Amino acid sequence: MASTARYITENHRSADCTVAGVEKYRGCPACPAAREAIRRSGAVAAGVVSRLAVGIRHANVADADDLIALWREAGLRFDPSRVAGELRSVAARDPGLVLVDLDDQGQIAGAVLGAYDGRRGWVNRLAVRPDMRGRGIAKKLMAELEERLTAIGCRKINLLIEAGNAGVVPFYQALGYQADDLIFMEKHLVTARRRELLPELSDEPYVFAAAASPPPHTAMFAAILEDEGLTLVMTKADADRARLEYSYLAARITLRVTSALEEIGLTAAVSRVLADAGISCNVIAGAAHDHLFVDWPRRYLALDLIRQL
């Protein structure tokens, strides 16, 4: 935060406003340096920039697996396959409004998915891990979200509570929220049909093992001969039986969509989305299909991301 305030001070160009640290900034349309500093700090728009409370940080796509586990444990209704895409979309539109609270080990203890439509703020999927409840985490997350919504000019916050979750009403009432007599309606929009990649996740882990020559009676998925030697791609079980050394444990995702070897951009698009989520991706192309080898611990997140392309 200090570096952001220094950036504004050193690059300020407007004589019409006074910058006394980032927290005092109220918006100056003649000051591009201040607006850039706001963007760098993670604020959602020109306005008050508040320091995140201790233990709270912004969520990102890499948190998808942990957030899915948290929301499932809280009994919330949602589509797990859409979480990664939602995080990416909200982060692009409302950076700084999706917040997570961390425990002493750096694990997610609670989260809230905030949004702002230009008129109203929205509170979605506020949840706290069962073993961390009763410590004020939900209240802290709400206070942080309200402060950041206020900073961008939001005057009113809405939230929806499903009938099966009515037990949380007193919590929100204690924070000043009031029930309103409304009829809530919704409609699911059908998007234009896109080309389905049909990703298929293999059950077994795979490895990349270096070998002087292919071991006898051992199945291989692929063999790559380089100037430096031979690399065998095979299941971990086969590598262990052949007593081959390896370090990277991968999951194999096959794109069942038929793709030609001369096709441009297909695997690049997939790799880009996975890279944005911090997931390594090694591609092996066959005559009919592309095969992606991704981090084994993050295979389900990778599968969800590919399904949304």
C-alpha atoms as a PDB file:
ATOM      1  CA  MET A   1       0.000   0.000   0.000  1.00  0.00           C
ATOM      2  CA  ALA A   2       2.855   2.362   0.778  1.00  0.00           C
ATOM      3  CA  SER A   3       4.272   1.855  -2.716  1.00  0.00           C
ATOM      4  CA  THR A   4       0.880   2.743  -4.218  1.00  0.00           C
ATOM      5  CA  ALA A   5       0.669   5.956  -2.220  1.00  0.00           C
ATOM      6  CA  ARG A   6       4.227   6.809  -3.278  1.00  0.00           C
ATOM      7  CA  TYR A   7       3.297   6.143  -6.933  1.00  0.00           C
ATOM      8  CA  ILE A   8       0.446   8.653  -6.684  1.00  0.00           C
ATOM      9  CA  THR A   9       2.604  11.246  -4.940  1.00  0.00           C
ATOM     10  CA  GLU A  10       5.459  10.978  -7.425  1.00  0.00           C
ATOM     11  CA  ASN A  11       3.259  10.942 -10.533  1.00  0.00           C
ATOM     12  CA  HIS A  12       0.402  13.231  -9.543  1.00  0.00           C
ATOM     13  CA  ARG A  13      -0.415  15.757 -12.255  1.00  0.00           C
ATOM     14  CA  SER A  14      -3.608  17.510 -11.142  1.00  0.00           C
ATOM     15  CA  ALA A  15      -3.518  20.776  -9.214  1.00  0.00           C
ATOM     16  CA  ASP A  16      -7.209  20.439  -8.430  1.00  0.00           C
ATOM     17  CA  CYS A  17      -7.048  17.659  -5.884  1.00  0.00           C
ATOM     18  CA  THR A  18      -4.898  16.836  -2.902  1.00  0.00           C
ATOM     19  CA  VAL A  19      -3.598  13.326  -2.415  1.00  0.00           C
ATOM     20  CA  ALA A  20      -2.874  12.477   1.184  1.00  0.00           C
ATOM     21  CA  GLY A  21      -2.240   8.775   0.834  1.00  0.00           C
ATOM     22  CA  VAL A  22      -4.322   6.247  -0.992  1.00  0.00           C
ATOM     23  CA  GLU A  23      -6.983   6.004   1.725  1.00  0.00           C
ATOM     24  CA  LYS A  24      -7.809   9.732   1.314  1.00  0.00           C
ATOM     25  CA  TYR A  25      -8.220   9.588  -2.448  1.00  0.00           C
ATOM     26  CA  ARG A  26     -11.782  10.393  -3.568  1.00  0.00           C
ATOM     27  CA  GLY A  27     -11.278  10.387  -7.309  1.00  0.00           C
ATOM     28  CA  CYS A  28      -9.730  12.947  -9.595  1.00  0.00           C
ATOM     29  CA  PRO A  29     -10.626  12.646 -13.305  1.00  0.00           C
ATOM     30  CA  ALA A  30      -7.664  14.836 -14.205  1.00  0.00           C
ATOM     31  CA  CYS A  31      -5.195  12.498 -12.528  1.00  0.00           C
ATOM     32  CA  PRO A  32      -4.314   9.409 -14.602  1.00  0.00           C
ATOM     33  CA  ALA A  33      -1.516   8.525 -12.209  1.00  0.00           C
ATOM     34  CA  ALA A  34      -3.968   8.187  -9.342  1.00  0.00           C
ATOM     35  CA  ARG A  35      -6.305   6.063 -11.433  1.00  0.00           C
ATOM     36  CA  GLU A  36      -3.401   3.811 -12.424  1.00  0.00           C
ATOM     37  CA  ALA A  37      -2.407   3.461  -8.784  1.00  0.00           C
ATOM     38  CA  ILE A  38      -5.961   2.469  -7.934  1.00  0.00           C
ATOM     39  CA  ARG A  39      -5.821  -0.209 -10.632  1.00  0.00           C
ATOM     40  CA  ARG A  40      -2.483  -1.482  -9.353  1.00  0.00           C
ATOM     41  CA  SER A  41      -3.754  -1.711  -5.784  1.00  0.00           C
ATOM     42  CA  GLY A  42      -6.592  -4.045  -6.777  1.00  0.00           C
ATOM     43  CA  ALA A  43      -9.393  -1.544  -6.210  1.00  0.00           C
ATOM     44  CA  VAL A  44     -12.497  -1.996  -8.320  1.00  0.00           C
ATOM     45  CA  ALA A  45     -12.782   1.601  -9.543  1.00  0.00           C
ATOM     46  CA  ALA A  46     -11.712   5.145  -8.747  1.00  0.00           C
ATOM     47  CA  GLY A  47     -12.773   5.762  -5.155  1.00  0.00           C
ATOM     48  CA  VAL A  48     -11.741   4.974  -1.635  1.00  0.00           C
ATOM     49  CA  VAL A  49      -8.992   2.368  -1.549  1.00  0.00           C
ATOM     50  CA  SER A  50      -9.003   0.464   1.720  1.00  0.00           C
ATOM     51  CA  ARG A  51      -6.336  -1.837   3.066  1.00  0.00           C
ATOM     52  CA  LEU A  52      -7.563  -5.427   3.252  1.00  0.00           C
ATOM     53  CA  ALA A  53      -8.239  -6.612   6.784  1.00  0.00           C
ATOM     54  CA  VAL A  54      -5.663  -8.938   8.323  1.00  0.00           C
ATOM     55  CA  GLY A  55      -6.059 -12.481   7.015  1.00  0.00           C
ATOM     56  CA  ILE A  56      -8.186 -11.482   4.021  1.00  0.00           C
ATOM     57  CA  ARG A  57      -7.049 -11.511   0.399  1.00  0.00           C
ATOM     58  CA  HIS A  58      -8.628 -11.403  -3.048  1.00  0.00           C
ATOM     59  CA  ALA A  59      -9.681 -14.759  -4.482  1.00  0.00           C
ATOM     60  CA  ASN A  60      -8.520 -15.950  -7.894  1.00  0.00           C
ATOM     61  CA  VAL A  61      -9.143 -18.822 -10.292  1.00  0.00           C
ATOM     62  CA  ALA A  62      -6.517 -20.950  -8.558  1.00  0.00           C
ATOM     63  CA  ASP A  63      -8.772 -20.997  -5.467  1.00  0.00           C
ATOM     64  CA  ALA A  64     -11.596 -22.775  -7.332  1.00  0.00           C
ATOM     65  CA  ASP A  65     -11.017 -26.233  -5.835  1.00  0.00           C
ATOM     66  CA  ASP A  66     -10.880 -24.918  -2.265  1.00  0.00           C
ATOM     67  CA  LEU A  67     -13.946 -22.727  -2.765  1.00  0.00           C
ATOM     68  CA  ILE A  68     -15.914 -25.628  -4.234  1.00  0.00           C
ATOM     69  CA  ALA A  69     -15.054 -27.690  -1.133  1.00  0.00           C
ATOM     70  CA  LEU A  70     -15.995 -24.808   1.182  1.00  0.00           C
ATOM     71  CA  TRP A  71     -19.353 -24.124  -0.464  1.00  0.00           C
ATOM     72  CA  ARG A  72     -20.207 -27.812  -0.633  1.00  0.00           C
ATOM     73  CA  GLU A  73     -19.452 -28.194   3.070  1.00  0.00           C
ATOM     74  CA  ALA A  74     -21.684 -25.190   3.763  1.00  0.00           C
ATOM     75  CA  GLY A  75     -24.554 -26.839   1.892  1.00  0.00           C
ATOM     76  CA  LEU A  76     -24.863 -24.098  -0.738  1.00  0.00           C
ATOM     77  CA  ARG A  77     -26.498 -24.859  -4.071  1.00  0.00           C
ATOM     78  CA  PHE A  78     -24.244 -24.158  -7.050  1.00  0.00           C
ATOM     79  CA  ASP A  79     -22.747 -25.785 -10.136  1.00  0.00           C
ATOM     80  CA  PRO A  80     -19.143 -26.818  -9.339  1.00  0.00           C
ATOM     81  CA  SER A  81     -18.248 -27.032 -13.033  1.00  0.00           C
ATOM     82  CA  ARG A  82     -18.912 -23.290 -13.404  1.00  0.00           C
ATOM     83  CA  VAL A  83     -16.952 -22.018 -10.405  1.00  0.00           C
ATOM     84  CA  ALA A  84     -13.640 -21.472 -12.192  1.00  0.00           C
ATOM     85  CA  GLY A  85     -15.356 -19.614 -15.024  1.00  0.00           C
ATOM     86  CA  GLU A  86     -17.347 -17.514 -12.561  1.00  0.00           C
ATOM     87  CA  LEU A  87     -14.213 -16.527 -10.697  1.00  0.00           C
ATOM     88  CA  ARG A  88     -12.497 -15.542 -13.917  1.00  0.00           C
ATOM     89  CA  SER A  89     -15.528 -13.518 -15.049  1.00  0.00           C
ATOM     90  CA  VAL A  90     -16.072 -11.750 -11.724  1.00  0.00           C
ATOM     91  CA  ALA A  91     -12.365 -10.991 -11.374  1.00  0.00           C
ATOM     92  CA  ALA A  92     -12.417  -9.292 -14.774  1.00  0.00           C
ATOM     93  CA  ARG A  93     -15.578  -7.299 -14.043  1.00  0.00           C
ATOM     94  CA  ASP A  94     -15.360  -6.676 -10.276  1.00  0.00           C
ATOM     95  CA  PRO A  95     -11.736  -7.132  -9.176  1.00  0.00           C
ATOM     96  CA  GLY A  96     -11.415  -6.910  -5.421  1.00  0.00           C
ATOM     97  CA  LEU A  97     -14.939  -8.049  -4.520  1.00  0.00           C
ATOM     98  CA  VAL A  98     -14.327 -11.796  -4.216  1.00  0.00           C
ATOM     99  CA  LEU A  99     -12.686 -12.225  -0.843  1.00  0.00           C
ATOM    100  CA  VAL A 100     -11.286 -15.134   1.154  1.00  0.00           C
ATOM    101  CA  ASP A 101     -10.207 -15.298   4.774  1.00  0.00           C
ATOM    102  CA  LEU A 102      -7.203 -17.474   5.600  1.00  0.00           C
ATOM    103  CA  ASP A 103      -6.433 -19.498   8.714  1.00  0.00           C
ATOM    104  CA  ASP A 104      -3.021 -19.672  10.385  1.00  0.00           C
ATOM    105  CA  GLN A 105      -1.873 -22.312   7.869  1.00  0.00           C
ATOM    106  CA  GLY A 106      -2.861 -20.169   4.892  1.00  0.00           C
ATOM    107  CA  GLN A 107      -5.897 -22.309   4.071  1.00  0.00           C
ATOM    108  CA  ILE A 108      -9.247 -20.770   3.133  1.00  0.00           C
ATOM    109  CA  ALA A 109     -11.429 -20.487   6.247  1.00  0.00           C
ATOM    110  CA  GLY A 110     -14.215 -18.407   4.734  1.00  0.00           C
ATOM    111  CA  ALA A 111     -15.203 -16.631   1.549  1.00  0.00           C
ATOM    112  CA  VAL A 112     -17.705 -14.268   0.004  1.00  0.00           C
ATOM    113  CA  LEU A 113     -18.405 -13.621  -3.672  1.00  0.00           C
ATOM    114  CA  GLY A 114     -19.337  -9.969  -4.046  1.00  0.00           C
ATOM    115  CA  ALA A 115     -20.507  -8.196  -7.186  1.00  0.00           C
ATOM    116  CA  TYR A 116     -21.575  -4.735  -8.339  1.00  0.00           C
ATOM    117  CA  ASP A 117     -23.879  -4.114 -11.306  1.00  0.00           C
ATOM    118  CA  GLY A 118     -23.399  -0.341 -11.328  1.00  0.00           C
ATOM    119  CA  ARG A 119     -26.525   0.224  -9.245  1.00  0.00           C
ATOM    120  CA  ARG A 120     -26.606  -2.375  -6.468  1.00  0.00           C
ATOM    121  CA  GLY A 121     -24.043  -4.449  -4.681  1.00  0.00           C
ATOM    122  CA  TRP A 122     -24.649  -8.174  -4.260  1.00  0.00           C
ATOM    123  CA  VAL A 123     -23.572 -10.668  -1.614  1.00  0.00           C
ATOM    124  CA  ASN A 124     -23.235 -14.263  -2.836  1.00  0.00           C
ATOM    125  CA  ARG A 125     -22.053 -17.515  -1.227  1.00  0.00           C
ATOM    126  CA  LEU A 126     -20.855 -16.201   2.108  1.00  0.00           C
ATOM    127  CA  ALA A 127     -19.570 -19.281   3.916  1.00  0.00           C
ATOM    128  CA  VAL A 128     -17.197 -20.260   6.711  1.00  0.00           C
ATOM    129  CA  ARG A 129     -15.616 -23.657   7.327  1.00  0.00           C
ATOM    130  CA  PRO A 130     -17.478 -25.524  10.107  1.00  0.00           C
ATOM    131  CA  ASP A 131     -14.337 -25.836  12.231  1.00  0.00           C
ATOM    132  CA  MET A 132     -13.717 -22.073  12.006  1.00  0.00           C
ATOM    133  CA  ARG A 133     -17.210 -20.817  12.832  1.00  0.00           C
ATOM    134  CA  GLY A 134     -17.911 -18.630  15.854  1.00  0.00           C
ATOM    135  CA  ARG A 135     -14.738 -16.567  15.361  1.00  0.00           C
ATOM    136  CA  GLY A 136     -16.245 -13.566  13.570  1.00  0.00           C
ATOM    137  CA  ILE A 137     -14.919 -14.531  10.137  1.00  0.00           C
ATOM    138  CA  ALA A 138     -18.234 -14.031   8.318  1.00  0.00           C
ATOM    139  CA  LYS A 139     -18.736 -10.656   9.992  1.00  0.00           C
ATOM    140  CA  LYS A 140     -15.200  -9.608   9.027  1.00  0.00           C
ATOM    141  CA  LEU A 141     -15.714 -10.634   5.411  1.00  0.00           C
ATOM    142  CA  MET A 142     -19.000  -8.718   5.230  1.00  0.00           C
ATOM    143  CA  ALA A 143     -17.417  -5.611   6.713  1.00  0.00           C
ATOM    144  CA  GLU A 144     -14.591  -5.769   4.172  1.00  0.00           C
ATOM    145  CA  LEU A 145     -16.979  -6.280   1.270  1.00  0.00           C
ATOM    146  CA  GLU A 146     -19.236  -3.423   2.404  1.00  0.00           C
ATOM    147  CA  GLU A 147     -16.246  -1.088   2.688  1.00  0.00           C
ATOM    148  CA  ARG A 148     -15.066  -1.930  -0.801  1.00  0.00           C
ATOM    149  CA  LEU A 149     -18.553  -1.535  -2.284  1.00  0.00           C
ATOM    150  CA  THR A 150     -18.916   1.835  -0.559  1.00  0.00           C
ATOM    151  CA  ALA A 151     -15.587   2.834  -2.087  1.00  0.00           C
ATOM    152  CA  ILE A 152     -16.962   2.482  -5.608  1.00  0.00           C
ATOM    153  CA  GLY A 153     -20.138   4.441  -4.987  1.00  0.00           C
ATOM    154  CA  CYS A 154     -22.513   1.589  -4.117  1.00  0.00           C
ATOM    155  CA  ARG A 155     -25.417   2.883  -2.019  1.00  0.00           C
ATOM    156  CA  LYS A 156     -27.361  -0.325  -1.401  1.00  0.00           C
ATOM    157  CA  ILE A 157     -26.492  -4.024  -1.053  1.00  0.00           C
ATOM    158  CA  ASN A 158     -28.823  -6.887  -1.913  1.00  0.00           C
ATOM    159  CA  LEU A 159     -28.658 -10.558  -1.017  1.00  0.00           C
ATOM    160  CA  LEU A 160     -30.932 -13.556  -1.548  1.00  0.00           C
ATOM    161  CA  ILE A 161     -31.503 -16.319   1.014  1.00  0.00           C
ATOM    162  CA  GLU A 162     -33.001 -19.634  -0.040  1.00  0.00           C
ATOM    163  CA  ALA A 163     -35.819 -21.000   2.111  1.00  0.00           C
ATOM    164  CA  GLY A 164     -33.712 -23.952   3.200  1.00  0.00           C
ATOM    165  CA  ASN A 165     -31.045 -21.610   4.542  1.00  0.00           C
ATOM    166  CA  ALA A 166     -33.334 -19.324   6.553  1.00  0.00           C
ATOM    167  CA  GLY A 167     -31.294 -19.951   9.683  1.00  0.00           C
ATOM    168  CA  VAL A 168     -28.803 -17.303   8.555  1.00  0.00           C
ATOM    169  CA  VAL A 169     -31.421 -14.508   8.624  1.00  0.00           C
ATOM    170  CA  PRO A 170     -30.611 -13.388  12.213  1.00  0.00           C
ATOM    171  CA  PHE A 171     -26.924 -13.036  11.271  1.00  0.00           C
ATOM    172  CA  TYR A 172     -27.715 -10.581   8.479  1.00  0.00           C
ATOM    173  CA  GLN A 173     -30.307  -8.759  10.603  1.00  0.00           C
ATOM    174  CA  ALA A 174     -27.626  -8.158  13.221  1.00  0.00           C
ATOM    175  CA  LEU A 175     -25.555  -6.494  10.488  1.00  0.00           C
ATOM    176  CA  GLY A 176     -28.410  -4.158   9.608  1.00  0.00           C
ATOM    177  CA  TYR A 177     -30.008  -6.015   6.699  1.00  0.00           C
ATOM    178  CA  GLN A 178     -33.792  -5.982   6.419  1.00  0.00           C
ATOM    179  CA  ALA A 179     -36.196  -8.337   4.662  1.00  0.00           C
ATOM    180  CA  ASP A 180     -38.250  -6.949   1.773  1.00  0.00           C
ATOM    181  CA  ASP A 181     -41.515  -8.204   0.264  1.00  0.00           C
ATOM    182  CA  LEU A 182     -40.421  -9.076  -3.270  1.00  0.00           C
ATOM    183  CA  ILE A 183     -41.128 -11.679  -5.919  1.00  0.00           C
ATOM    184  CA  PHE A 184     -37.880 -13.107  -7.247  1.00  0.00           C
ATOM    185  CA  MET A 185     -37.933 -14.354 -10.830  1.00  0.00           C
ATOM    186  CA  GLU A 186     -35.206 -15.871 -12.986  1.00  0.00           C
ATOM    187  CA  LYS A 187     -34.613 -17.209 -16.471  1.00  0.00           C
ATOM    188  CA  HIS A 188     -31.722 -19.350 -17.690  1.00  0.00           C
ATOM    189  CA  LEU A 189     -30.463 -18.157 -21.063  1.00  0.00           C
ATOM    190  CA  VAL A 190     -29.446 -20.683 -23.701  1.00  0.00           C
ATOM    191  CA  THR A 191     -26.155 -19.670 -25.250  1.00  0.00           C
ATOM    192  CA  ALA A 192     -25.199 -20.353 -28.840  1.00  0.00           C
ATOM    193  CA  ARG A 193     -23.879 -23.867 -29.264  1.00  0.00           C
ATOM    194  CA  ARG A 194     -20.122 -23.952 -29.387  1.00  0.00           C
ATOM    195  CA  ARG A 195     -17.684 -26.616 -30.379  1.00  0.00           C
ATOM    196  CA  GLU A 196     -17.446 -29.111 -27.530  1.00  0.00           C
ATOM    197  CA  LEU A 197     -13.918 -30.222 -26.660  1.00  0.00           C
ATOM    198  CA  LEU A 198     -15.249 -33.306 -24.838  1.00  0.00           C
ATOM    199  CA  PRO A 199     -12.389 -33.578 -22.318  1.00  0.00           C
ATOM    200  CA  GLU A 200     -12.006 -37.037 -20.774  1.00  0.00           C
ATOM    201  CA  LEU A 201      -9.968 -37.538 -17.605  1.00  0.00           C
ATOM    202  CA  SER A 202      -8.041 -40.786 -17.205  1.00  0.00           C
ATOM    203  CA  ASP A 203      -8.317 -42.489 -13.804  1.00  0.00           C
ATOM    204  CA  GLU A 204      -4.612 -43.327 -13.558  1.00  0.00           C
ATOM    205  CA  PRO A 205      -1.699 -40.953 -12.893  1.00  0.00           C
ATOM    206  CA  TYR A 206       0.989 -40.678 -15.569  1.00  0.00           C
ATOM    207  CA  VAL A 207       4.710 -39.913 -15.413  1.00  0.00           C
ATOM    208  CA  PHE A 208       7.514 -38.828 -17.721  1.00  0.00           C
ATOM    209  CA  ALA A 209      10.433 -41.207 -17.184  1.00  0.00           C
ATOM    210  CA  ALA A 210      13.895 -41.081 -18.687  1.00  0.00           C
ATOM    211  CA  ALA A 211      15.258 -44.428 -19.928  1.00  0.00           C
ATOM    212  CA  ALA A 212      18.163 -45.744 -21.992  1.00  0.00           C
ATOM    213  CA  SER A 213      15.693 -47.904 -23.956  1.00  0.00           C
ATOM    214  CA  PRO A 214      12.083 -49.028 -23.643  1.00  0.00           C
ATOM    215  CA  PRO A 215      11.814 -51.700 -20.941  1.00  0.00           C
ATOM    216  CA  PRO A 216      10.527 -55.046 -22.250  1.00  0.00           C
ATOM    217  CA  HIS A 217       6.879 -55.994 -21.793  1.00  0.00           C
ATOM    218  CA  THR A 218       5.971 -52.483 -20.614  1.00  0.00           C
ATOM    219  CA  ALA A 219       3.128 -50.455 -22.110  1.00  0.00           C
ATOM    220  CA  MET A 220       3.876 -46.880 -23.088  1.00  0.00           C
ATOM    221  CA  PHE A 221       1.574 -44.041 -24.005  1.00  0.00           C
ATOM    222  CA  ALA A 222       4.289 -42.170 -25.897  1.00  0.00           C
ATOM    223  CA  ALA A 223       8.036 -42.208 -26.465  1.00  0.00           C
ATOM    224  CA  ILE A 224       9.982 -39.050 -27.258  1.00  0.00           C
ATOM    225  CA  LEU A 225      13.528 -39.395 -28.542  1.00  0.00           C
ATOM    226  CA  GLU A 226      15.591 -36.241 -28.039  1.00  0.00           C
ATOM    227  CA  ASP A 227      19.284 -35.482 -28.436  1.00  0.00           C
ATOM    228  CA  GLU A 228      19.576 -35.810 -24.663  1.00  0.00           C
ATOM    229  CA  GLY A 229      17.934 -39.212 -24.470  1.00  0.00           C
ATOM    230  CA  LEU A 230      14.647 -41.123 -24.447  1.00  0.00           C
ATOM    231  CA  THR A 231      11.571 -39.997 -22.483  1.00  0.00           C
ATOM    232  CA  LEU A 232       8.760 -42.470 -21.906  1.00  0.00           C
ATOM    233  CA  VAL A 233       5.243 -41.347 -21.048  1.00  0.00           C
ATOM    234  CA  MET A 234       3.406 -44.091 -19.176  1.00  0.00           C
ATOM    235  CA  THR A 235       1.212 -44.780 -16.204  1.00  0.00           C
ATOM    236  CA  LYS A 236       2.836 -44.480 -12.802  1.00  0.00           C
ATOM    237  CA  ALA A 237       2.033 -48.123 -12.144  1.00  0.00           C
ATOM    238  CA  ASP A 238       3.932 -49.271 -15.260  1.00  0.00           C
ATOM    239  CA  ALA A 239       6.881 -47.013 -14.434  1.00  0.00           C
ATOM    240  CA  ASP A 240       7.030 -48.404 -10.907  1.00  0.00           C
ATOM    241  CA  ARG A 241       6.982 -51.981 -12.196  1.00  0.00           C
ATOM    242  CA  ALA A 242       9.817 -51.167 -14.585  1.00  0.00           C
ATOM    243  CA  ARG A 243      11.683 -49.383 -11.745  1.00  0.00           C
ATOM    244  CA  LEU A 244      12.022 -46.155 -13.737  1.00  0.00           C
ATOM    245  CA  GLU A 245      12.681 -42.821 -12.068  1.00  0.00           C
ATOM    246  CA  TYR A 246      10.373 -39.833 -12.476  1.00  0.00           C
ATOM    247  CA  SER A 247       9.424 -36.651 -10.649  1.00  0.00           C
ATOM    248  CA  TYR A 248       6.366 -35.080 -12.288  1.00  0.00           C
ATOM    249  CA  LEU A 249       3.042 -36.761 -11.521  1.00  0.00           C
ATOM    250  CA  ALA A 250       0.473 -35.920 -14.196  1.00  0.00           C
ATOM    251  CA  ALA A 251      -3.148 -36.512 -15.079  1.00  0.00           C
ATOM    252  CA  ARG A 252      -4.038 -37.268 -18.691  1.00  0.00           C
ATOM    253  CA  ILE A 253      -6.954 -35.364 -20.199  1.00  0.00           C
ATOM    254  CA  THR A 254      -7.867 -36.394 -23.733  1.00  0.00           C
ATOM    255  CA  LEU A 255      -9.813 -33.964 -25.911  1.00  0.00           C
ATOM    256  CA  ARG A 256     -12.237 -36.341 -27.628  1.00  0.00           C
ATOM    257  CA  VAL A 257     -13.187 -33.722 -30.203  1.00  0.00           C
ATOM    258  CA  THR A 258     -11.636 -34.686 -33.537  1.00  0.00           C
ATOM    259  CA  SER A 259      -8.864 -32.254 -34.454  1.00  0.00           C
ATOM    260  CA  ALA A 260      -6.497 -32.166 -37.399  1.00  0.00           C
ATOM    261  CA  LEU A 261      -2.766 -31.854 -36.909  1.00  0.00           C
ATOM    262  CA  GLU A 262      -2.738 -28.687 -39.030  1.00  0.00           C
ATOM    263  CA  GLU A 263      -5.443 -27.032 -36.893  1.00  0.00           C
ATOM    264  CA  ILE A 264      -4.384 -23.731 -35.332  1.00  0.00           C
ATOM    265  CA  GLY A 265      -5.184 -22.377 -31.887  1.00  0.00           C
ATOM    266  CA  LEU A 266      -7.035 -25.250 -30.210  1.00  0.00           C
ATOM    267  CA  THR A 267      -4.396 -26.369 -27.720  1.00  0.00           C
ATOM    268  CA  ALA A 268      -3.092 -22.801 -27.400  1.00  0.00           C
ATOM    269  CA  ALA A 269      -6.489 -21.682 -26.083  1.00  0.00           C
ATOM    270  CA  VAL A 270      -6.579 -24.565 -23.608  1.00  0.00           C
ATOM    271  CA  SER A 271      -3.013 -23.971 -22.424  1.00  0.00           C
ATOM    272  CA  ARG A 272      -3.693 -20.257 -21.951  1.00  0.00           C
ATOM    273  CA  VAL A 273      -6.705 -20.877 -19.694  1.00  0.00           C
ATOM    274  CA  LEU A 274      -4.796 -23.443 -17.628  1.00  0.00           C
ATOM    275  CA  ALA A 275      -1.770 -21.150 -17.366  1.00  0.00           C
ATOM    276  CA  ASP A 276      -3.995 -18.351 -16.045  1.00  0.00           C
ATOM    277  CA  ALA A 277      -5.048 -20.737 -13.270  1.00  0.00           C
ATOM    278  CA  GLY A 278      -1.434 -21.698 -12.533  1.00  0.00           C
ATOM    279  CA  ILE A 279      -1.784 -25.234 -13.903  1.00  0.00           C
ATOM    280  CA  SER A 280       1.055 -26.719 -15.937  1.00  0.00           C
ATOM    281  CA  CYS A 281       0.064 -28.336 -19.226  1.00  0.00           C
ATOM    282  CA  ASN A 282       2.122 -30.616 -21.463  1.00  0.00           C
ATOM    283  CA  VAL A 283       0.492 -31.460 -24.794  1.00  0.00           C
ATOM    284  CA  ILE A 284       1.029 -34.579 -26.911  1.00  0.00           C
ATOM    285  CA  ALA A 285      -0.809 -34.592 -30.232  1.00  0.00           C
ATOM    286  CA  GLY A 286      -2.055 -37.770 -31.875  1.00  0.00           C
ATOM    287  CA  ALA A 287      -3.481 -38.224 -35.351  1.00  0.00           C
ATOM    288  CA  ALA A 288      -7.037 -38.020 -34.002  1.00  0.00           C
ATOM    289  CA  HIS A 289      -6.884 -36.337 -30.602  1.00  0.00           C
ATOM    290  CA  ASP A 290      -4.834 -34.041 -28.386  1.00  0.00           C
ATOM    291  CA  HIS A 291      -3.744 -35.306 -24.973  1.00  0.00           C
ATOM    292  CA  LEU A 292      -3.002 -32.923 -22.122  1.00  0.00           C
ATOM    293  CA  PHE A 293      -0.858 -33.859 -19.147  1.00  0.00           C
ATOM    294  CA  VAL A 294      -1.610 -31.580 -16.197  1.00  0.00           C
ATOM    295  CA  ASP A 295      -0.727 -31.425 -12.494  1.00  0.00           C
ATOM    296  CA  TRP A 296      -2.252 -34.509 -10.874  1.00  0.00           C
ATOM    297  CA  PRO A 297      -3.450 -32.694  -7.692  1.00  0.00           C
ATOM    298  CA  ARG A 298      -5.260 -30.071  -9.817  1.00  0.00           C
ATOM    299  CA  ARG A 299      -6.778 -32.367 -12.417  1.00  0.00           C
ATOM    300  CA  TYR A 300     -10.406 -31.674 -11.513  1.00  0.00           C
ATOM    301  CA  LEU A 301      -9.975 -27.903 -11.738  1.00  0.00           C
ATOM    302  CA  ALA A 302      -8.238 -28.345 -15.115  1.00  0.00           C
ATOM    303  CA  LEU A 303     -11.117 -30.506 -16.311  1.00  0.00           C
ATOM    304  CA  ASP A 304     -13.691 -27.899 -15.237  1.00  0.00           C
ATOM    305  CA  LEU A 305     -11.789 -25.088 -16.961  1.00  0.00           C
ATOM    306  CA  ILE A 306     -11.567 -27.007 -20.230  1.00  0.00           C
ATOM    307  CA  ARG A 307     -15.267 -27.890 -20.110  1.00  0.00           C
ATOM    308  CA  GLN A 308     -16.116 -24.193 -20.020  1.00  0.00           C
ATOM    309  CA  LEU A 309     -14.185 -23.301 -23.174  1.00  0.00           C
END
